[in-house]
C-alpha cells in the first residue's frame, strides 16, 4: 500500500472507531473541532520545522505530488505531505475516542 492509501485507511478506521465501535461520537462535538484546530496549528508548525530544512524526507513515489519540497503545493502543506495531516487526524481521533470511552467506564483512574 502507498503512504496515501494508508493515511486514508487510518482516517476511516479512526472514524469507524469513534462513531460505530466505541460510540463516543466526538466528531459531532464542537469542543473536539476546537481542540483539533489548536492541534492542527501545532502539527503544521512541527511539519514546517522538521520537513522544511530536510530533517524528515519522504519517498516521492509513495505520496501525493512530485516529491519537490515546497511550503504549499505539490501535495504538501507546511513542507510535509498532506498524508501527514491525515495520519495526525486519525491519531487524535482514535486517542481521544479511547480516552472518553475508558473514562466513561471508570478505567481512567
PDB file of N, CA and C in Angstrom:
ATOM      1  N   UNK A   1       0.847  -1.188   0.000  1.00  0.00           N
ATOM      2  CA  UNK A   1       0.000   0.000   0.000  1.00  0.00           C
ATOM      3  C   UNK A   1       0.888   1.246   0.000  1.00  0.00           C
ATOM      4  N   UNK A   2       0.370   2.300  -0.595  1.00  0.00           N
ATOM      5  CA  UNK A   2       1.117   3.551  -0.604  1.00  0.00           C
ATOM      6  C   UNK A   2       0.851   4.332   0.682  1.00  0.00           C
ATOM      7  N   UNK A   3       1.665   5.325   0.887  1.00  0.00           N
ATOM      8  CA  UNK A   3       1.523   6.199   2.042  1.00  0.00           C
ATOM      9  C   UNK A   3       0.141   6.864   2.038  1.00  0.00           C
ATOM     10  N   UNK A   4      -0.322   7.257   0.859  1.00  0.00           N
ATOM     11  CA  UNK A   4      -1.631   7.894   0.729  1.00  0.00           C
ATOM     12  C   UNK A   4      -2.746   6.934   1.109  1.00  0.00           C
ATOM     13  N   UNK A   5      -2.689   5.718   0.610  1.00  0.00           N
ATOM     14  CA  UNK A   5      -3.716   4.732   0.931  1.00  0.00           C
ATOM     15  C   UNK A   5      -3.745   4.415   2.422  1.00  0.00           C
ATOM     16  N   UNK A   6      -2.576   4.287   3.029  1.00  0.00           N
ATOM     17  CA  UNK A   6      -2.515   4.020   4.464  1.00  0.00           C
ATOM     18  C   UNK A   6      -3.079   5.185   5.278  1.00  0.00           C
ATOM     19  N   UNK A   7      -2.808   6.404   4.835  1.00  0.00           N
ATOM     20  CA  UNK A   7      -3.324   7.580   5.544  1.00  0.00           C
ATOM     21  C   UNK A   7      -4.847   7.624   5.482  1.00  0.00           C
ATOM     22  N   UNK A   8      -5.415   7.373   4.324  1.00  0.00           N
ATOM     23  CA  UNK A   8      -6.880   7.369   4.186  1.00  0.00           C
ATOM     24  C   UNK A   8      -7.475   6.228   5.004  1.00  0.00           C
ATOM     25  N   UNK A   9      -6.846   5.060   4.972  1.00  0.00           N
ATOM     26  CA  UNK A   9      -7.309   3.924   5.771  1.00  0.00           C
ATOM     27  C   UNK A   9      -7.278   4.254   7.262  1.00  0.00           C
ATOM     28  N   UNK A  10      -6.242   4.950   7.703  1.00  0.00           N
ATOM     29  CA  UNK A  10      -6.151   5.364   9.107  1.00  0.00           C
ATOM     30  C   UNK A  10      -7.293   6.272   9.515  1.00  0.00           C
ATOM     31  N   UNK A  11      -7.655   7.222   8.645  1.00  0.00           N
ATOM     32  CA  UNK A  11      -8.763   8.131   8.936  1.00  0.00           C
ATOM     33  C   UNK A  11     -10.086   7.358   8.994  1.00  0.00           C
ATOM     34  N   UNK A  12     -10.291   6.472   8.033  1.00  0.00           N
ATOM     35  CA  UNK A  12     -11.527   5.681   8.006  1.00  0.00           C
ATOM     36  C   UNK A  12     -11.635   4.830   9.276  1.00  0.00           C
ATOM     37  N   UNK A  13     -10.553   4.180   9.664  1.00  0.00           N
ATOM     38  CA  UNK A  13     -10.565   3.343  10.877  1.00  0.00           C
ATOM     39  C   UNK A  13     -10.846   4.169  12.131  1.00  0.00           C
ATOM     40  N   UNK A  14     -10.255   5.357  12.220  1.00  0.00           N
ATOM     41  CA  UNK A  14     -10.478   6.210  13.385  1.00  0.00           C
ATOM     42  C   UNK A  14     -11.925   6.682  13.462  1.00  0.00           C
ATOM     43  N   UNK A  15     -12.507   7.035  12.319  1.00  0.00           N
ATOM     44  CA  UNK A  15     -13.905   7.476  12.292  1.00  0.00           C
ATOM     45  C   UNK A  15     -14.837   6.321  12.671  1.00  0.00           C
ATOM     46  N   UNK A  16     -14.572   5.137  12.126  1.00  0.00           N
ATOM     47  CA  UNK A  16     -15.376   3.959  12.466  1.00  0.00           C
ATOM     48  C   UNK A  16     -15.269   3.665  13.960  1.00  0.00           C
ATOM     49  N   UNK A  17     -14.054   3.761  14.504  1.00  0.00           N
ATOM     50  CA  UNK A  17     -13.845   3.533  15.931  1.00  0.00           C
ATOM     51  C   UNK A  17     -14.667   4.510  16.761  1.00  0.00           C
ATOM     52  N   UNK A  18     -14.644   5.782  16.389  1.00  0.00           N
ATOM     53  CA  UNK A  18     -15.360   6.814  17.143  1.00  0.00           C
ATOM     54  C   UNK A  18     -16.872   6.674  17.026  1.00  0.00           C
ATOM     55  N   UNK A  19     -17.363   6.506  15.824  1.00  0.00           N
ATOM     56  CA  UNK A  19     -18.803   6.574  15.592  1.00  0.00           C
ATOM     57  C   UNK A  19     -19.513   5.247  15.847  1.00  0.00           C
ATOM     58  N   UNK A  20     -18.946   4.131  15.393  1.00  0.00           N
ATOM     59  CA  UNK A  20     -19.685   2.875  15.448  1.00  0.00           C
ATOM     60  C   UNK A  20     -19.172   1.870  16.470  1.00  0.00           C
ATOM     61  N   UNK A  21     -17.867   1.838  16.732  1.00  0.00           N
ATOM     62  CA  UNK A  21     -17.343   0.829  17.661  1.00  0.00           C
ATOM     63  C   UNK A  21     -17.483   1.301  19.107  1.00  0.00           C
ATOM     64  N   UNK A  22     -16.862   2.439  19.430  1.00  0.00           N
ATOM     65  CA  UNK A  22     -16.906   2.947  20.806  1.00  0.00           C
ATOM     66  C   UNK A  22     -18.130   3.824  21.068  1.00  0.00           C
ATOM     67  N   UNK A  23     -18.721   4.348  20.026  1.00  0.00           N
ATOM     68  CA  UNK A  23     -19.911   5.209  20.098  1.00  0.00           C
ATOM     69  C   UNK A  23     -19.702   6.461  20.968  1.00  0.00           C
ATOM     70  N   UNK A  24     -18.493   7.011  20.912  1.00  0.00           N
ATOM     71  CA  UNK A  24     -18.222   8.240  21.666  1.00  0.00           C
ATOM     72  C   UNK A  24     -18.709   9.471  20.910  1.00  0.00           C
ATOM     73  N   UNK A  25     -18.778   9.394  19.606  1.00  0.00           N
ATOM     74  CA  UNK A  25     -19.289  10.449  18.738  1.00  0.00           C
ATOM     75  C   UNK A  25     -18.590  11.805  18.961  1.00  0.00           C
ATOM     76  N   UNK A  26     -17.295  11.778  19.147  1.00  0.00           N
ATOM     77  CA  UNK A  26     -16.541  13.021  19.337  1.00  0.00           C
ATOM     78  C   UNK A  26     -16.582  13.916  18.106  1.00  0.00           C
ATOM     79  N   UNK A  27     -16.652  13.315  16.939  1.00  0.00           N
ATOM     80  CA  UNK A  27     -16.632  14.097  15.706  1.00  0.00           C
ATOM     81  C   UNK A  27     -17.849  14.995  15.553  1.00  0.00           C
ATOM     82  N   UNK A  28     -18.873  14.749  16.307  1.00  0.00           N
ATOM     83  CA  UNK A  28     -20.072  15.574  16.261  1.00  0.00           C
ATOM     84  C   UNK A  28     -20.091  16.684  17.296  1.00  0.00           C
ATOM     85  N   UNK A  29     -19.010  16.834  18.033  1.00  0.00           N
ATOM     86  CA  UNK A  29     -18.972  17.834  19.111  1.00  0.00           C
ATOM     87  C   UNK A  29     -18.106  19.033  18.733  1.00  0.00           C
ATOM     88  N   UNK A  30     -18.586  20.200  19.068  1.00  0.00           N
ATOM     89  CA  UNK A  30     -17.849  21.430  18.787  1.00  0.00           C
ATOM     90  C   UNK A  30     -16.512  21.465  19.539  1.00  0.00           C
ATOM     91  N   UNK A  31     -16.505  20.983  20.768  1.00  0.00           N
ATOM     92  CA  UNK A  31     -15.280  21.015  21.567  1.00  0.00           C
ATOM     93  C   UNK A  31     -14.160  20.190  20.910  1.00  0.00           C
ATOM     94  N   UNK A  32     -14.517  19.105  20.239  1.00  0.00           N
ATOM     95  CA  UNK A  32     -13.500  18.328  19.536  1.00  0.00           C
ATOM     96  C   UNK A  32     -12.859  19.152  18.429  1.00  0.00           C
ATOM     97  N   UNK A  33     -13.692  19.824  17.630  1.00  0.00           N
ATOM     98  CA  UNK A  33     -13.169  20.575  16.487  1.00  0.00           C
ATOM     99  C   UNK A  33     -12.348  21.785  16.926  1.00  0.00           C
ATOM    100  N   UNK A  34     -12.701  22.400  18.045  1.00  0.00           N
ATOM    101  CA  UNK A  34     -11.882  23.490  18.581  1.00  0.00           C
ATOM    102  C   UNK A  34     -10.531  22.936  19.038  1.00  0.00           C
ATOM    103  N   UNK A  35     -10.562  21.819  19.730  1.00  0.00           N
ATOM    104  CA  UNK A  35      -9.323  21.172  20.176  1.00  0.00           C
ATOM    105  C   UNK A  35      -8.475  20.768  18.986  1.00  0.00           C
ATOM    106  N   UNK A  36      -9.108  20.187  17.979  1.00  0.00           N
ATOM    107  CA  UNK A  36      -8.352  19.741  16.810  1.00  0.00           C
ATOM    108  C   UNK A  36      -7.740  20.926  16.068  1.00  0.00           C
ATOM    109  N   UNK A  37      -8.430  22.048  16.001  1.00  0.00           N
ATOM    110  CA  UNK A  37      -7.880  23.231  15.330  1.00  0.00           C
ATOM    111  C   UNK A  37      -6.586  23.687  15.999  1.00  0.00           C
ATOM    112  N   UNK A  38      -6.545  23.646  17.308  1.00  0.00           N
ATOM    113  CA  UNK A  38      -5.325  24.005  18.044  1.00  0.00           C
ATOM    114  C   UNK A  38      -4.215  23.015  17.735  1.00  0.00           C
ATOM    115  N   UNK A  39      -4.533  21.721  17.804  1.00  0.00           N
ATOM    116  CA  UNK A  39      -3.542  20.690  17.497  1.00  0.00           C
ATOM    117  C   UNK A  39      -3.064  20.777  16.051  1.00  0.00           C
ATOM    118  N   UNK A  40      -3.965  21.073  15.143  1.00  0.00           N
ATOM    119  CA  UNK A  40      -3.644  21.186  13.722  1.00  0.00           C
ATOM    120  C   UNK A  40      -2.610  22.290  13.491  1.00  0.00           C
ATOM    121  N   UNK A  41      -2.799  23.416  14.165  1.00  0.00           N
ATOM    122  CA  UNK A  41      -1.830  24.513  14.047  1.00  0.00           C
ATOM    123  C   UNK A  41      -0.440  24.095  14.487  1.00  0.00           C
ATOM    124  N   UNK A  42      -0.363  23.396  15.597  1.00  0.00           N
ATOM    125  CA  UNK A  42       0.944  22.928  16.070  1.00  0.00           C
ATOM    126  C   UNK A  42       1.510  21.819  15.179  1.00  0.00           C
ATOM    127  N   UNK A  43       0.642  21.020  14.592  1.00  0.00           N
ATOM    128  CA  UNK A  43       1.129  19.993  13.660  1.00  0.00           C
ATOM    129  C   UNK A  43       1.745  20.658  12.429  1.00  0.00           C
ATOM    130  N   UNK A  44       1.113  21.697  11.915  1.00  0.00           N
ATOM    131  CA  UNK A  44       1.679  22.416  10.772  1.00  0.00           C
ATOM    132  C   UNK A  44       3.032  23.035  11.127  1.00  0.00           C
ATOM    133  N   UNK A  45       3.124  23.603  12.319  1.00  0.00           N
ATOM    134  CA  UNK A  45       4.381  24.193  12.764  1.00  0.00           C
ATOM    135  C   UNK A  45       5.478  23.132  12.856  1.00  0.00           C
ATOM    136  N   UNK A  46       5.157  21.998  13.451  1.00  0.00           N
ATOM    137  CA  UNK A  46       6.130  20.911  13.581  1.00  0.00           C
ATOM    138  C   UNK A  46       6.532  20.383  12.216  1.00  0.00           C
ATOM    139  N   UNK A  47       5.563  20.214  11.325  1.00  0.00           N
ATOM    140  CA  UNK A  47       5.882  19.765   9.969  1.00  0.00           C
ATOM    141  C   UNK A  47       6.847  20.721   9.288  1.00  0.00           C
ATOM    142  N   UNK A  48       6.603  22.023   9.430  1.00  0.00           N
ATOM    143  CA  UNK A  48       7.465  23.016   8.794  1.00  0.00           C
ATOM    144  C   UNK A  48       8.883  22.967   9.356  1.00  0.00           C
ATOM    145  N   UNK A  49       8.997  22.804  10.659  1.00  0.00           N
ATOM    146  CA  UNK A  49      10.314  22.771  11.299  1.00  0.00           C
ATOM    147  C   UNK A  49      11.101  21.515  10.903  1.00  0.00           C
ATOM    148  N   UNK A  50      10.411  20.381  10.810  1.00  0.00           N
ATOM    149  CA  UNK A  50      11.104  19.125  10.505  1.00  0.00           C
ATOM    150  C   UNK A  50      11.282  18.863   9.014  1.00  0.00           C
ATOM    151  N   UNK A  51      10.287  19.220   8.211  1.00  0.00           N
ATOM    152  CA  UNK A  51      10.347  18.889   6.784  1.00  0.00           C
ATOM    153  C   UNK A  51      10.979  19.986   5.939  1.00  0.00           C
ATOM    154  N   UNK A  52      10.849  21.227   6.358  1.00  0.00           N
ATOM    155  CA  UNK A  52      11.410  22.335   5.578  1.00  0.00           C
ATOM    156  C   UNK A  52      12.912  22.234   5.383  1.00  0.00           C
ATOM    157  N   UNK A  53      13.684  22.114   6.458  1.00  0.00           N
ATOM    158  CA  UNK A  53      15.138  22.030   6.297  1.00  0.00           C
ATOM    159  C   UNK A  53      15.639  20.637   5.898  1.00  0.00           C
ATOM    160  N   UNK A  54      14.747  19.666   5.766  1.00  0.00           N
ATOM    161  CA  UNK A  54      15.153  18.343   5.310  1.00  0.00           C
ATOM    162  C   UNK A  54      15.447  17.339   6.397  1.00  0.00           C
ATOM    163  N   UNK A  55      15.020  17.601   7.625  1.00  0.00           N
ATOM    164  CA  UNK A  55      15.213  16.635   8.704  1.00  0.00           C
ATOM    165  C   UNK A  55      14.417  15.369   8.389  1.00  0.00           C
ATOM    166  N   UNK A  56      13.161  15.552   7.967  1.00  0.00           N
ATOM    167  CA  UNK A  56      12.314  14.445   7.506  1.00  0.00           C
ATOM    168  C   UNK A  56      12.371  14.393   5.992  1.00  0.00           C
ATOM    169  N   UNK A  57      12.506  13.210   5.448  1.00  0.00           N
ATOM    170  CA  UNK A  57      12.478  13.047   3.995  1.00  0.00           C
ATOM    171  C   UNK A  57      11.464  11.967   3.646  1.00  0.00           C
ATOM    172  N   UNK A  58      10.771  12.182   2.553  1.00  0.00           N
ATOM    173  CA  UNK A  58       9.725  11.265   2.129  1.00  0.00           C
ATOM    174  C   UNK A  58      10.027  10.786   0.720  1.00  0.00           C
ATOM    175  N   UNK A  59       9.718   9.528   0.443  1.00  0.00           N
ATOM    176  CA  UNK A  59       9.884   8.991  -0.904  1.00  0.00           C
ATOM    177  C   UNK A  59       8.814   9.602  -1.803  1.00  0.00           C
ATOM    178  N   UNK A  60       9.240  10.207  -2.903  1.00  0.00           N
ATOM    179  CA  UNK A  60       8.318  10.901  -3.803  1.00  0.00           C
ATOM    180  C   UNK A  60       7.280   9.959  -4.400  1.00  0.00           C
ATOM    181  N   UNK A  61       7.643   8.730  -4.639  1.00  0.00           N
ATOM    182  CA  UNK A  61       6.734   7.787  -5.295  1.00  0.00           C
ATOM    183  C   UNK A  61       5.601   7.318  -4.391  1.00  0.00           C
ATOM    184  N   UNK A  62       5.751   7.440  -3.085  1.00  0.00           N
ATOM    185  CA  UNK A  62       4.749   6.885  -2.179  1.00  0.00           C
ATOM    186  C   UNK A  62       3.701   7.884  -1.712  1.00  0.00           C
ATOM    187  N   UNK A  63       3.879   9.156  -1.984  1.00  0.00           N
ATOM    188  CA  UNK A  63       2.906  10.149  -1.516  1.00  0.00           C
ATOM    189  C   UNK A  63       2.444  11.021  -2.687  1.00  0.00           C
ATOM    190  N   UNK A  64       1.446  11.852  -2.413  1.00  0.00           N
ATOM    191  CA  UNK A  64       0.914  12.740  -3.445  1.00  0.00           C
ATOM    192  C   UNK A  64       1.959  13.762  -3.875  1.00  0.00           C
ATOM    193  N   UNK A  65       1.840  14.270  -5.065  1.00  0.00           N
ATOM    194  CA  UNK A  65       2.744  15.295  -5.549  1.00  0.00           C
ATOM    195  C   UNK A  65       3.992  14.718  -6.186  1.00  0.00           C
ATOM    196  N   UNK A  66       4.881  15.605  -6.577  1.00  0.00           N
ATOM    197  CA  UNK A  66       6.083  15.202  -7.293  1.00  0.00           C
ATOM    198  C   UNK A  66       7.248  14.867  -6.373  1.00  0.00           C
ATOM    199  N   UNK A  67       7.119  15.184  -5.112  1.00  0.00           N
ATOM    200  CA  UNK A  67       8.218  14.958  -4.181  1.00  0.00           C
ATOM    201  C   UNK A  67       9.070  16.197  -3.969  1.00  0.00           C
ATOM    202  N   UNK A  68       8.789  17.247  -4.737  1.00  0.00           N
ATOM    203  CA  UNK A  68       9.517  18.502  -4.561  1.00  0.00           C
ATOM    204  C   UNK A  68       9.116  19.124  -3.225  1.00  0.00           C
ATOM    205  N   UNK A  69      10.089  19.571  -2.453  1.00  0.00           N
ATOM    206  CA  UNK A  69       9.813  20.131  -1.131  1.00  0.00           C
ATOM    207  C   UNK A  69       9.511  21.625  -1.277  1.00  0.00           C
ATOM    208  N   UNK A  70       8.215  21.954  -1.170  1.00  0.00           N
ATOM    209  CA  UNK A  70       7.763  23.339  -1.218  1.00  0.00           C
ATOM    210  C   UNK A  70       6.865  23.580  -0.008  1.00  0.00           C
ATOM    211  N   UNK A  71       6.697  24.832   0.366  1.00  0.00           N
ATOM    212  CA  UNK A  71       5.875  25.138   1.543  1.00  0.00           C
ATOM    213  C   UNK A  71       4.417  24.767   1.321  1.00  0.00           C
ATOM    214  N   UNK A  72       3.881  25.091   0.154  1.00  0.00           N
ATOM    215  CA  UNK A  72       2.479  24.811  -0.145  1.00  0.00           C
ATOM    216  C   UNK A  72       2.360  24.428  -1.613  1.00  0.00           C
ATOM    217  N   UNK A  73       1.729  23.305  -1.858  1.00  0.00           N
ATOM    218  CA  UNK A  73       1.560  22.814  -3.218  1.00  0.00           C
ATOM    219  C   UNK A  73       2.310  21.502  -3.395  1.00  0.00           C
ATOM    220  N   UNK A  74       2.162  20.888  -4.551  1.00  0.00           N
ATOM    221  CA  UNK A  74       2.820  19.609  -4.829  1.00  0.00           C
ATOM    222  C   UNK A  74       2.469  18.549  -3.788  1.00  0.00           C
ATOM    223  N   UNK A  75       1.223  18.586  -3.296  1.00  0.00           N
ATOM    224  CA  UNK A  75       0.790  17.604  -2.305  1.00  0.00           C
ATOM    225  C   UNK A  75       1.354  17.845  -0.917  1.00  0.00           C
ATOM    226  N   UNK A  76       1.813  19.076  -0.673  1.00  0.00           N
ATOM    227  CA  UNK A  76       2.414  19.400   0.629  1.00  0.00           C
ATOM    228  C   UNK A  76       1.760  20.625   1.257  1.00  0.00           C
ATOM    229  N   UNK A  77       1.729  20.614   2.573  1.00  0.00           N
ATOM    230  CA  UNK A  77       1.293  21.767   3.355  1.00  0.00           C
ATOM    231  C   UNK A  77       2.337  21.932   4.453  1.00  0.00           C
ATOM    232  N   UNK A  78       2.900  23.121   4.568  1.00  0.00           N
ATOM    233  CA  UNK A  78       3.976  23.393   5.527  1.00  0.00           C
ATOM    234  C   UNK A  78       5.117  22.396   5.328  1.00  0.00           C
ATOM    235  N   UNK A  79       5.488  22.185   4.077  1.00  0.00           N
ATOM    236  CA  UNK A  79       6.589  21.332   3.631  1.00  0.00           C
ATOM    237  C   UNK A  79       6.344  19.829   3.747  1.00  0.00           C
ATOM    238  N   UNK A  80       5.392  19.399   4.530  1.00  0.00           N
ATOM    239  CA  UNK A  80       5.165  17.963   4.741  1.00  0.00           C
ATOM    240  C   UNK A  80       4.041  17.467   3.840  1.00  0.00           C
ATOM    241  N   UNK A  81       4.063  16.190   3.488  1.00  0.00           N
ATOM    242  CA  UNK A  81       2.985  15.642   2.662  1.00  0.00           C
ATOM    243  C   UNK A  81       1.623  15.763   3.349  1.00  0.00           C
ATOM    244  N   UNK A  82       0.597  15.929   2.549  1.00  0.00           N
ATOM    245  CA  UNK A  82      -0.771  16.034   3.056  1.00  0.00           C
ATOM    246  C   UNK A  82      -1.115  14.808   3.898  1.00  0.00           C
ATOM    247  N   UNK A  83      -0.531  13.671   3.532  1.00  0.00           N
ATOM    248  CA  UNK A  83      -0.816  12.441   4.268  1.00  0.00           C
ATOM    249  C   UNK A  83      -0.465  12.559   5.743  1.00  0.00           C
ATOM    250  N   UNK A  84       0.541  13.358   6.082  1.00  0.00           N
ATOM    251  CA  UNK A  84       0.886  13.558   7.494  1.00  0.00           C
ATOM    252  C   UNK A  84      -0.284  14.153   8.275  1.00  0.00           C
ATOM    253  N   UNK A  85      -1.024  15.057   7.642  1.00  0.00           N
ATOM    254  CA  UNK A  85      -2.181  15.657   8.301  1.00  0.00           C
ATOM    255  C   UNK A  85      -3.276  14.620   8.503  1.00  0.00           C
ATOM    256  N   UNK A  86      -3.425  13.719   7.539  1.00  0.00           N
ATOM    257  CA  UNK A  86      -4.415  12.651   7.686  1.00  0.00           C
ATOM    258  C   UNK A  86      -4.035  11.711   8.827  1.00  0.00           C
ATOM    259  N   UNK A  87      -2.767  11.315   8.879  1.00  0.00           N
ATOM    260  CA  UNK A  87      -2.311  10.450   9.980  1.00  0.00           C
ATOM    261  C   UNK A  87      -2.490  11.147  11.327  1.00  0.00           C
ATOM    262  N   UNK A  88      -2.184  12.434  11.388  1.00  0.00           N
ATOM    263  CA  UNK A  88      -2.352  13.185  12.629  1.00  0.00           C
ATOM    264  C   UNK A  88      -3.802  13.232  13.064  1.00  0.00           C
ATOM    265  N   UNK A  89      -4.702  13.447  12.114  1.00  0.00           N
ATOM    266  CA  UNK A  89      -6.130  13.458  12.427  1.00  0.00           C
ATOM    267  C   UNK A  89      -6.567  12.105  12.973  1.00  0.00           C
ATOM    268  N   UNK A  90      -6.150  11.028  12.315  1.00  0.00           N
ATOM    269  CA  UNK A  90      -6.524   9.677  12.760  1.00  0.00           C
ATOM    270  C   UNK A  90      -5.993   9.405  14.165  1.00  0.00           C
ATOM    271  N   UNK A  91      -4.784   9.823  14.439  1.00  0.00           N
ATOM    272  CA  UNK A  91      -4.187   9.613  15.757  1.00  0.00           C
ATOM    273  C   UNK A  91      -4.962  10.358  16.837  1.00  0.00           C
ATOM    274  N   UNK A  92      -5.308  11.601  16.577  1.00  0.00           N
ATOM    275  CA  UNK A  92      -6.039  12.404  17.559  1.00  0.00           C
ATOM    276  C   UNK A  92      -7.432  11.827  17.807  1.00  0.00           C
ATOM    277  N   UNK A  93      -8.145  11.482  16.733  1.00  0.00           N
ATOM    278  CA  UNK A  93      -9.499  10.936  16.888  1.00  0.00           C
ATOM    279  C   UNK A  93      -9.467   9.623  17.668  1.00  0.00           C
ATOM    280  N   UNK A  94      -8.574   8.716  17.296  1.00  0.00           N
ATOM    281  CA  UNK A  94      -8.508   7.411  17.967  1.00  0.00           C
ATOM    282  C   UNK A  94      -8.126   7.567  19.438  1.00  0.00           C
ATOM    283  N   UNK A  95      -7.138   8.408  19.711  1.00  0.00           N
ATOM    284  CA  UNK A  95      -6.684   8.592  21.087  1.00  0.00           C
ATOM    285  C   UNK A  95      -7.772   9.207  21.965  1.00  0.00           C
ATOM    286  N   UNK A  96      -8.406  10.269  21.491  1.00  0.00           N
ATOM    287  CA  UNK A  96      -9.446  10.918  22.291  1.00  0.00           C
ATOM    288  C   UNK A  96     -10.684  10.037  22.435  1.00  0.00           C
ATOM    289  N   UNK A  97     -11.013   9.283  21.405  1.00  0.00           N
ATOM    290  CA  UNK A  97     -12.157   8.371  21.499  1.00  0.00           C
ATOM    291  C   UNK A  97     -11.920   7.314  22.569  1.00  0.00           C
ATOM    292  N   UNK A  98     -10.734   6.742  22.571  1.00  0.00           N
ATOM    293  CA  UNK A  98     -10.405   5.750  23.601  1.00  0.00           C
ATOM    294  C   UNK A  98     -10.391   6.375  24.995  1.00  0.00           C
ATOM    295  N   UNK A  99      -9.862   7.582  25.100  1.00  0.00           N
ATOM    296  CA  UNK A  99      -9.805   8.291  26.383  1.00  0.00           C
ATOM    297  C   UNK A  99     -11.211   8.483  26.951  1.00  0.00           C
ATOM    298  N   UNK A 100     -12.131   8.964  26.109  1.00  0.00           N
ATOM    299  CA  UNK A 100     -13.509   9.189  26.547  1.00  0.00           C
ATOM    300  C   UNK A 100     -14.181   7.857  26.888  1.00  0.00           C
ATOM    301  N   UNK A 101     -13.988   6.856  26.057  1.00  0.00           N
ATOM    302  CA  UNK A 101     -14.603   5.546  26.277  1.00  0.00           C
ATOM    303  C   UNK A 101     -14.135   4.942  27.603  1.00  0.00           C
ATOM    304  N   UNK A 102     -12.818   4.979  27.849  1.00  0.00           N
ATOM    305  CA  UNK A 102     -12.293   4.456  29.114  1.00  0.00           C
ATOM    306  C   UNK A 102     -12.774   5.289  30.305  1.00  0.00           C
ATOM    307  N   UNK A 103     -12.853   6.603  30.124  1.00  0.00           N
ATOM    308  CA  UNK A 103     -13.335   7.477  31.189  1.00  0.00           C
ATOM    309  C   UNK A 103     -14.766   7.180  31.583  1.00  0.00           C
ATOM    310  N   UNK A 104     -15.597   6.864  30.624  1.00  0.00           N
ATOM    311  CA  UNK A 104     -16.992   6.526  30.907  1.00  0.00           C
ATOM    312  C   UNK A 104     -17.108   5.211  31.682  1.00  0.00           C
ATOM    313  N   UNK A 105     -16.115   4.373  31.578  1.00  0.00           N
ATOM    314  CA  UNK A 105     -16.143   3.086  32.255  1.00  0.00           C
ATOM    315  C   UNK A 105     -15.339   3.088  33.557  1.00  0.00           C
ATOM    316  N   UNK A 106     -14.838   4.236  33.947  1.00  0.00           N
ATOM    317  CA  UNK A 106     -14.098   4.331  35.195  1.00  0.00           C
ATOM    318  C   UNK A 106     -12.696   3.771  35.132  1.00  0.00           C
ATOM    319  N   UNK A 107     -12.169   3.537  33.930  1.00  0.00           N
ATOM    320  CA  UNK A 107     -10.822   2.947  33.797  1.00  0.00           C
ATOM    321  C   UNK A 107      -9.729   4.004  33.753  1.00  0.00           C
ATOM    322  N   UNK A 108     -10.092   5.251  33.906  1.00  0.00           N
ATOM    323  CA  UNK A 108      -9.148   6.355  33.786  1.00  0.00           C
ATOM    324  C   UNK A 108      -8.441   6.660  35.100  1.00  0.00           C
ATOM    325  N   UNK A 109      -8.892   6.123  36.178  1.00  0.00           N
ATOM    326  CA  UNK A 109      -8.357   6.473  37.491  1.00  0.00           C
ATOM    327  C   UNK A 109      -7.007   5.879  37.744  1.00  0.00           C
TER     328      UNK A 109
END
